[in-house]
Protein backbone atom coordinates (compact mmCIF):
# COMPACT_ATOMS: atom_id res chain seq x y z
CA UNK A 1 0.00 0.00 0.00
CA UNK A 2 1.36 3.38 -1.00
CA UNK A 3 0.98 6.17 1.52
CA UNK A 4 0.76 9.83 0.70
CA UNK A 5 3.13 12.33 2.35
CA UNK A 6 0.26 13.72 4.42
CA UNK A 7 -0.47 10.24 5.78
CA UNK A 8 3.19 9.77 6.69
CA UNK A 9 3.96 13.22 8.08
CA UNK A 10 0.54 14.39 9.29
CA UNK A 11 0.75 13.21 12.90
CA UNK A 12 4.40 14.25 13.48
CA UNK A 13 3.67 17.73 12.12
CA UNK A 14 0.61 18.12 14.36
CA UNK A 15 2.61 16.96 17.39
CA UNK A 16 5.40 19.39 16.49
CA UNK A 17 2.94 22.27 16.20
CA UNK A 18 1.37 21.36 19.55
CA UNK A 19 4.80 21.25 21.18
CA UNK A 20 5.74 24.62 19.70
CA UNK A 21 2.48 26.18 20.89
CA UNK A 22 3.06 24.73 24.35
CA UNK A 23 6.60 26.03 24.63
CA UNK A 24 5.74 29.51 23.36
CA UNK A 25 2.67 29.81 25.58
CA UNK A 26 4.80 28.82 28.59
CA UNK A 27 7.03 31.81 27.87
CA UNK A 28 4.22 34.31 27.30
CA UNK A 29 2.76 34.66 30.75
CA UNK A 30 0.73 33.26 33.59
CA UNK A 31 -2.88 32.25 34.08
CA UNK A 32 -4.52 30.99 30.92
CA UNK A 33 -1.11 30.65 29.22
CA UNK A 34 -0.09 28.09 31.83
CA UNK A 35 -3.20 26.02 31.06
CA UNK A 36 -2.61 26.25 27.31
CA UNK A 37 0.98 25.18 27.82
CA UNK A 38 0.05 22.24 30.03
CA UNK A 39 -2.51 20.93 27.56
CA UNK A 40 -0.37 21.50 24.46
CA UNK A 41 2.67 19.81 26.02
CA UNK A 42 0.67 17.10 27.74
CA UNK A 43 -0.95 15.71 24.60
CA UNK A 44 2.33 14.60 22.91
CA UNK A 45 3.54 13.13 26.22
CA UNK A 46 0.32 11.17 26.73
CA UNK A 47 0.35 9.90 23.15
CA UNK A 48 3.95 8.78 23.49
CA UNK A 49 3.15 6.96 26.71
CA UNK A 50 -0.01 5.40 25.23
CA UNK A 51 1.69 4.06 22.12
CA UNK A 52 4.72 2.95 24.13
CA UNK A 53 2.56 0.88 26.47
CA UNK A 54 0.64 -0.70 23.58
CA UNK A 55 3.71 -2.69 22.56
CA UNK A 56 3.71 -6.34 23.48
CA UNK A 57 6.38 -7.76 25.83
CA UNK A 58 7.99 -9.58 22.89
CA UNK A 59 8.40 -6.27 21.04
CA UNK A 60 9.91 -4.61 24.13
CA UNK A 61 12.52 -7.35 24.61
CA UNK A 62 13.58 -7.17 20.96
CA UNK A 63 15.15 -3.75 21.52
PDB file of N, CA and C in Angstrom:
ATOM      1  N   UNK A   1       0.837  -1.175   0.000  1.00  0.00           N
ATOM      2  CA  UNK A   1       0.000   0.000   0.000  1.00  0.00           C
ATOM      3  C   UNK A   1       0.888   1.247   0.000  1.00  0.00           C
ATOM      4  N   UNK A   2       0.603   2.140  -0.889  1.00  0.00           N
ATOM      5  CA  UNK A   2       1.363   3.375  -1.004  1.00  0.00           C
ATOM      6  C   UNK A   2       0.690   4.445  -0.150  1.00  0.00           C
ATOM      7  N   UNK A   3       1.494   5.103   0.656  1.00  0.00           N
ATOM      8  CA  UNK A   3       0.976   6.167   1.517  1.00  0.00           C
ATOM      9  C   UNK A   3       1.369   7.527   0.950  1.00  0.00           C
ATOM     10  N   UNK A   4       0.476   8.472   1.137  1.00  0.00           N
ATOM     11  CA  UNK A   4       0.762   9.832   0.701  1.00  0.00           C
ATOM     12  C   UNK A   4       1.631  10.524   1.752  1.00  0.00           C
ATOM     13  N   UNK A   5       2.320  11.593   1.368  1.00  0.00           N
ATOM     14  CA  UNK A   5       3.126  12.325   2.352  1.00  0.00           C
ATOM     15  C   UNK A   5       2.311  12.850   3.540  1.00  0.00           C
ATOM     16  N   UNK A   6       1.065  13.230   3.300  1.00  0.00           N
ATOM     17  CA  UNK A   6       0.257  13.721   4.416  1.00  0.00           C
ATOM     18  C   UNK A   6      -0.097  12.595   5.387  1.00  0.00           C
ATOM     19  N   UNK A   7      -0.221  11.371   4.892  1.00  0.00           N
ATOM     20  CA  UNK A   7      -0.466  10.241   5.784  1.00  0.00           C
ATOM     21  C   UNK A   7       0.784   9.904   6.590  1.00  0.00           C
ATOM     22  N   UNK A   8       1.939  10.083   6.014  1.00  0.00           N
ATOM     23  CA  UNK A   8       3.190   9.768   6.694  1.00  0.00           C
ATOM     24  C   UNK A   8       3.555  10.862   7.686  1.00  0.00           C
ATOM     25  N   UNK A   9       3.468  12.102   7.279  1.00  0.00           N
ATOM     26  CA  UNK A   9       3.961  13.218   8.083  1.00  0.00           C
ATOM     27  C   UNK A   9       2.886  13.981   8.825  1.00  0.00           C
ATOM     28  N   UNK A  10       1.624  13.641   8.656  1.00  0.00           N
ATOM     29  CA  UNK A  10       0.535  14.389   9.289  1.00  0.00           C
ATOM     30  C   UNK A  10       0.617  14.426  10.804  1.00  0.00           C
ATOM     31  N   UNK A  11       0.716  13.267  11.436  1.00  0.00           N
ATOM     32  CA  UNK A  11       0.751  13.208  12.903  1.00  0.00           C
ATOM     33  C   UNK A  11       2.017  13.838  13.474  1.00  0.00           C
ATOM     34  N   UNK A  12       3.216  13.578  12.934  1.00  0.00           N
ATOM     35  CA  UNK A  12       4.398  14.250  13.480  1.00  0.00           C
ATOM     36  C   UNK A  12       4.351  15.771  13.359  1.00  0.00           C
ATOM     37  N   UNK A  13       3.783  16.273  12.280  1.00  0.00           N
ATOM     38  CA  UNK A  13       3.674  17.727  12.119  1.00  0.00           C
ATOM     39  C   UNK A  13       2.709  18.306  13.143  1.00  0.00           C
ATOM     40  N   UNK A  14       1.578  17.649  13.361  1.00  0.00           N
ATOM     41  CA  UNK A  14       0.614  18.122  14.361  1.00  0.00           C
ATOM     42  C   UNK A  14       1.236  18.093  15.757  1.00  0.00           C
ATOM     43  N   UNK A  15       1.958  17.034  16.085  1.00  0.00           N
ATOM     44  CA  UNK A  15       2.614  16.964  17.391  1.00  0.00           C
ATOM     45  C   UNK A  15       3.692  18.036  17.527  1.00  0.00           C
ATOM     46  N   UNK A  16       4.404  18.322  16.469  1.00  0.00           N
ATOM     47  CA  UNK A  16       5.403  19.389  16.495  1.00  0.00           C
ATOM     48  C   UNK A  16       4.780  20.761  16.688  1.00  0.00           C
ATOM     49  N   UNK A  17       3.653  20.996  16.036  1.00  0.00           N
ATOM     50  CA  UNK A  17       2.942  22.267  16.198  1.00  0.00           C
ATOM     51  C   UNK A  17       2.419  22.401  17.625  1.00  0.00           C
ATOM     52  N   UNK A  18       1.845  21.325  18.166  1.00  0.00           N
ATOM     53  CA  UNK A  18       1.370  21.360  19.553  1.00  0.00           C
ATOM     54  C   UNK A  18       2.507  21.648  20.524  1.00  0.00           C
ATOM     55  N   UNK A  19       3.652  21.021  20.314  1.00  0.00           N
ATOM     56  CA  UNK A  19       4.800  21.251  21.181  1.00  0.00           C
ATOM     57  C   UNK A  19       5.278  22.698  21.087  1.00  0.00           C
ATOM     58  N   UNK A  20       5.327  23.233  19.888  1.00  0.00           N
ATOM     59  CA  UNK A  20       5.741  24.624  19.704  1.00  0.00           C
ATOM     60  C   UNK A  20       4.778  25.582  20.384  1.00  0.00           C
ATOM     61  N   UNK A  21       3.483  25.343  20.226  1.00  0.00           N
ATOM     62  CA  UNK A  21       2.480  26.176  20.892  1.00  0.00           C
ATOM     63  C   UNK A  21       2.652  26.101  22.399  1.00  0.00           C
ATOM     64  N   UNK A  22       2.878  24.901  22.914  1.00  0.00           N
ATOM     65  CA  UNK A  22       3.058  24.734  24.353  1.00  0.00           C
ATOM     66  C   UNK A  22       4.272  25.455  24.883  1.00  0.00           C
ATOM     67  N   UNK A  23       5.381  25.377  24.175  1.00  0.00           N
ATOM     68  CA  UNK A  23       6.600  26.030  24.633  1.00  0.00           C
ATOM     69  C   UNK A  23       6.488  27.550  24.556  1.00  0.00           C
ATOM     70  N   UNK A  24       5.905  28.058  23.486  1.00  0.00           N
ATOM     71  CA  UNK A  24       5.745  29.506  23.357  1.00  0.00           C
ATOM     72  C   UNK A  24       4.760  30.041  24.385  1.00  0.00           C
ATOM     73  N   UNK A  25       3.654  29.334  24.601  1.00  0.00           N
ATOM     74  CA  UNK A  25       2.674  29.813  25.579  1.00  0.00           C
ATOM     75  C   UNK A  25       3.234  29.765  26.997  1.00  0.00           C
ATOM     76  N   UNK A  26       4.164  28.856  27.274  1.00  0.00           N
ATOM     77  CA  UNK A  26       4.796  28.816  28.593  1.00  0.00           C
ATOM     78  C   UNK A  26       5.665  30.051  28.814  1.00  0.00           C
ATOM     79  N   UNK A  27       6.194  30.612  27.754  1.00  0.00           N
ATOM     80  CA  UNK A  27       7.029  31.805  27.872  1.00  0.00           C
ATOM     81  C   UNK A  27       6.221  33.100  27.918  1.00  0.00           C
ATOM     82  N   UNK A  28       4.982  33.068  27.447  1.00  0.00           N
ATOM     83  CA  UNK A  28       4.218  34.308  27.297  1.00  0.00           C
ATOM     84  C   UNK A  28       3.694  34.889  28.608  1.00  0.00           C
ATOM     85  N   UNK A  29       3.302  34.085  29.525  1.00  0.00           N
ATOM     86  CA  UNK A  29       2.759  34.664  30.754  1.00  0.00           C
ATOM     87  C   UNK A  29       2.154  33.622  31.654  1.00  0.00           C
ATOM     88  N   UNK A  30       1.360  34.117  32.589  1.00  0.00           N
ATOM     89  CA  UNK A  30       0.728  33.263  33.588  1.00  0.00           C
ATOM     90  C   UNK A  30      -0.765  33.146  33.318  1.00  0.00           C
ATOM     91  N   UNK A  31      -1.426  32.397  34.186  1.00  0.00           N
ATOM     92  CA  UNK A  31      -2.880  32.254  34.081  1.00  0.00           C
ATOM     93  C   UNK A  31      -3.275  31.305  32.977  1.00  0.00           C
ATOM     94  N   UNK A  32      -4.004  31.823  32.008  1.00  0.00           N
ATOM     95  CA  UNK A  32      -4.518  30.994  30.917  1.00  0.00           C
ATOM     96  C   UNK A  32      -3.369  30.418  30.090  1.00  0.00           C
ATOM     97  N   UNK A  33      -2.253  31.141  29.996  1.00  0.00           N
ATOM     98  CA  UNK A  33      -1.113  30.654  29.223  1.00  0.00           C
ATOM     99  C   UNK A  33      -0.526  29.388  29.833  1.00  0.00           C
ATOM    100  N   UNK A  34      -0.563  29.303  31.170  1.00  0.00           N
ATOM    101  CA  UNK A  34      -0.088  28.088  31.826  1.00  0.00           C
ATOM    102  C   UNK A  34      -0.968  26.888  31.475  1.00  0.00           C
ATOM    103  N   UNK A  35      -2.278  27.110  31.411  1.00  0.00           N
ATOM    104  CA  UNK A  35      -3.196  26.023  31.061  1.00  0.00           C
ATOM    105  C   UNK A  35      -3.004  25.596  29.609  1.00  0.00           C
ATOM    106  N   UNK A  36      -2.849  26.571  28.721  1.00  0.00           N
ATOM    107  CA  UNK A  36      -2.611  26.255  27.306  1.00  0.00           C
ATOM    108  C   UNK A  36      -1.320  25.456  27.164  1.00  0.00           C
ATOM    109  N   UNK A  37      -0.298  25.878  27.875  1.00  0.00           N
ATOM    110  CA  UNK A  37       0.983  25.184  27.824  1.00  0.00           C
ATOM    111  C   UNK A  37       0.872  23.751  28.335  1.00  0.00           C
ATOM    112  N   UNK A  38       0.186  23.576  29.453  1.00  0.00           N
ATOM    113  CA  UNK A  38       0.046  22.236  30.032  1.00  0.00           C
ATOM    114  C   UNK A  38      -0.695  21.295  29.090  1.00  0.00           C
ATOM    115  N   UNK A  39      -1.747  21.775  28.480  1.00  0.00           N
ATOM    116  CA  UNK A  39      -2.514  20.927  27.560  1.00  0.00           C
ATOM    117  C   UNK A  39      -1.708  20.628  26.299  1.00  0.00           C
ATOM    118  N   UNK A  40      -1.103  21.674  25.720  1.00  0.00           N
ATOM    119  CA  UNK A  40      -0.372  21.497  24.461  1.00  0.00           C
ATOM    120  C   UNK A  40       0.861  20.612  24.635  1.00  0.00           C
ATOM    121  N   UNK A  41       1.515  20.665  25.792  1.00  0.00           N
ATOM    122  CA  UNK A  41       2.674  19.808  26.020  1.00  0.00           C
ATOM    123  C   UNK A  41       2.282  18.442  26.568  1.00  0.00           C
ATOM    124  N   UNK A  42       1.117  18.360  27.175  1.00  0.00           N
ATOM    125  CA  UNK A  42       0.670  17.096  27.740  1.00  0.00           C
ATOM    126  C   UNK A  42       0.193  16.104  26.687  1.00  0.00           C
ATOM    127  N   UNK A  43      -0.413  16.601  25.635  1.00  0.00           N
ATOM    128  CA  UNK A  43      -0.953  15.710  24.597  1.00  0.00           C
ATOM    129  C   UNK A  43       0.148  14.862  23.945  1.00  0.00           C
ATOM    130  N   UNK A  44       1.270  15.450  23.480  1.00  0.00           N
ATOM    131  CA  UNK A  44       2.327  14.598  22.910  1.00  0.00           C
ATOM    132  C   UNK A  44       2.902  13.609  23.926  1.00  0.00           C
ATOM    133  N   UNK A  45       3.016  14.041  25.185  1.00  0.00           N
ATOM    134  CA  UNK A  45       3.537  13.130  26.218  1.00  0.00           C
ATOM    135  C   UNK A  45       2.584  11.959  26.437  1.00  0.00           C
ATOM    136  N   UNK A  46       1.299  12.248  26.535  1.00  0.00           N
ATOM    137  CA  UNK A  46       0.325  11.175  26.733  1.00  0.00           C
ATOM    138  C   UNK A  46       0.273  10.225  25.538  1.00  0.00           C
ATOM    139  N   UNK A  47       0.347  10.762  24.338  1.00  0.00           N
ATOM    140  CA  UNK A  47       0.347   9.900  23.148  1.00  0.00           C
ATOM    141  C   UNK A  47       1.587   9.019  23.099  1.00  0.00           C
ATOM    142  N   UNK A  48       2.732   9.582  23.445  1.00  0.00           N
ATOM    143  CA  UNK A  48       3.950   8.780  23.486  1.00  0.00           C
ATOM    144  C   UNK A  48       3.859   7.663  24.508  1.00  0.00           C
ATOM    145  N   UNK A  49       3.331   7.977  25.677  1.00  0.00           N
ATOM    146  CA  UNK A  49       3.145   6.964  26.710  1.00  0.00           C
ATOM    147  C   UNK A  49       2.156   5.899  26.254  1.00  0.00           C
ATOM    148  N   UNK A  50       1.038   6.331  25.676  1.00  0.00           N
ATOM    149  CA  UNK A  50      -0.008   5.400  25.230  1.00  0.00           C
ATOM    150  C   UNK A  50       0.530   4.416  24.194  1.00  0.00           C
ATOM    151  N   UNK A  51       1.196   4.941  23.170  1.00  0.00           N
ATOM    152  CA  UNK A  51       1.689   4.058  22.117  1.00  0.00           C
ATOM    153  C   UNK A  51       2.882   3.230  22.590  1.00  0.00           C
ATOM    154  N   UNK A  52       3.633   3.736  23.553  1.00  0.00           N
ATOM    155  CA  UNK A  52       4.719   2.947  24.126  1.00  0.00           C
ATOM    156  C   UNK A  52       4.209   1.769  24.937  1.00  0.00           C
ATOM    157  N   UNK A  53       3.123   1.955  25.651  1.00  0.00           N
ATOM    158  CA  UNK A  53       2.561   0.885  26.473  1.00  0.00           C
ATOM    159  C   UNK A  53       1.774  -0.132  25.648  1.00  0.00           C
ATOM    160  N   UNK A  54       1.398   0.215  24.438  1.00  0.00           N
ATOM    161  CA  UNK A  54       0.645  -0.705  23.582  1.00  0.00           C
ATOM    162  C   UNK A  54       1.513  -1.813  23.016  1.00  0.00           C
ATOM    163  N   UNK A  55       2.813  -1.657  23.087  1.00  0.00           N
ATOM    164  CA  UNK A  55       3.708  -2.692  22.560  1.00  0.00           C
ATOM    165  C   UNK A  55       3.596  -3.945  23.407  1.00  0.00           C
ATOM    166  N   UNK A  56       3.760  -5.073  22.764  1.00  0.00           N
ATOM    167  CA  UNK A  56       3.709  -6.344  23.483  1.00  0.00           C
ATOM    168  C   UNK A  56       5.051  -6.600  24.156  1.00  0.00           C
ATOM    169  N   UNK A  57       5.096  -7.455  25.178  1.00  0.00           N
ATOM    170  CA  UNK A  57       6.378  -7.758  25.835  1.00  0.00           C
ATOM    171  C   UNK A  57       7.434  -8.287  24.863  1.00  0.00           C
ATOM    172  N   UNK A  58       7.039  -9.051  23.857  1.00  0.00           N
ATOM    173  CA  UNK A  58       7.995  -9.585  22.894  1.00  0.00           C
ATOM    174  C   UNK A  58       8.630  -8.433  22.084  1.00  0.00           C
ATOM    175  N   UNK A  59       7.865  -7.406  21.760  1.00  0.00           N
ATOM    176  CA  UNK A  59       8.401  -6.270  21.038  1.00  0.00           C
ATOM    177  C   UNK A  59       9.346  -5.467  21.913  1.00  0.00           C
ATOM    178  N   UNK A  60       9.049  -5.374  23.205  1.00  0.00           N
ATOM    179  CA  UNK A  60       9.907  -4.615  24.127  1.00  0.00           C
ATOM    180  C   UNK A  60      11.256  -5.301  24.313  1.00  0.00           C
ATOM    181  N   UNK A  61      11.265  -6.637  24.380  1.00  0.00           N
ATOM    182  CA  UNK A  61      12.518  -7.347  24.614  1.00  0.00           C
ATOM    183  C   UNK A  61      13.393  -7.402  23.366  1.00  0.00           C
ATOM    184  N   UNK A  62      12.818  -7.138  22.197  1.00  0.00           N
ATOM    185  CA  UNK A  62      13.581  -7.173  20.964  1.00  0.00           C
ATOM    186  C   UNK A  62      14.512  -5.975  20.828  1.00  0.00           C
ATOM    187  N   UNK A  63      14.310  -4.940  21.631  1.00  0.00           N
ATOM    188  CA  UNK A  63      15.152  -3.748  21.517  1.00  0.00           C
ATOM    189  C   UNK A  63      16.464  -3.906  22.166  1.00  0.00           C
TER     190      UNK A  63
END
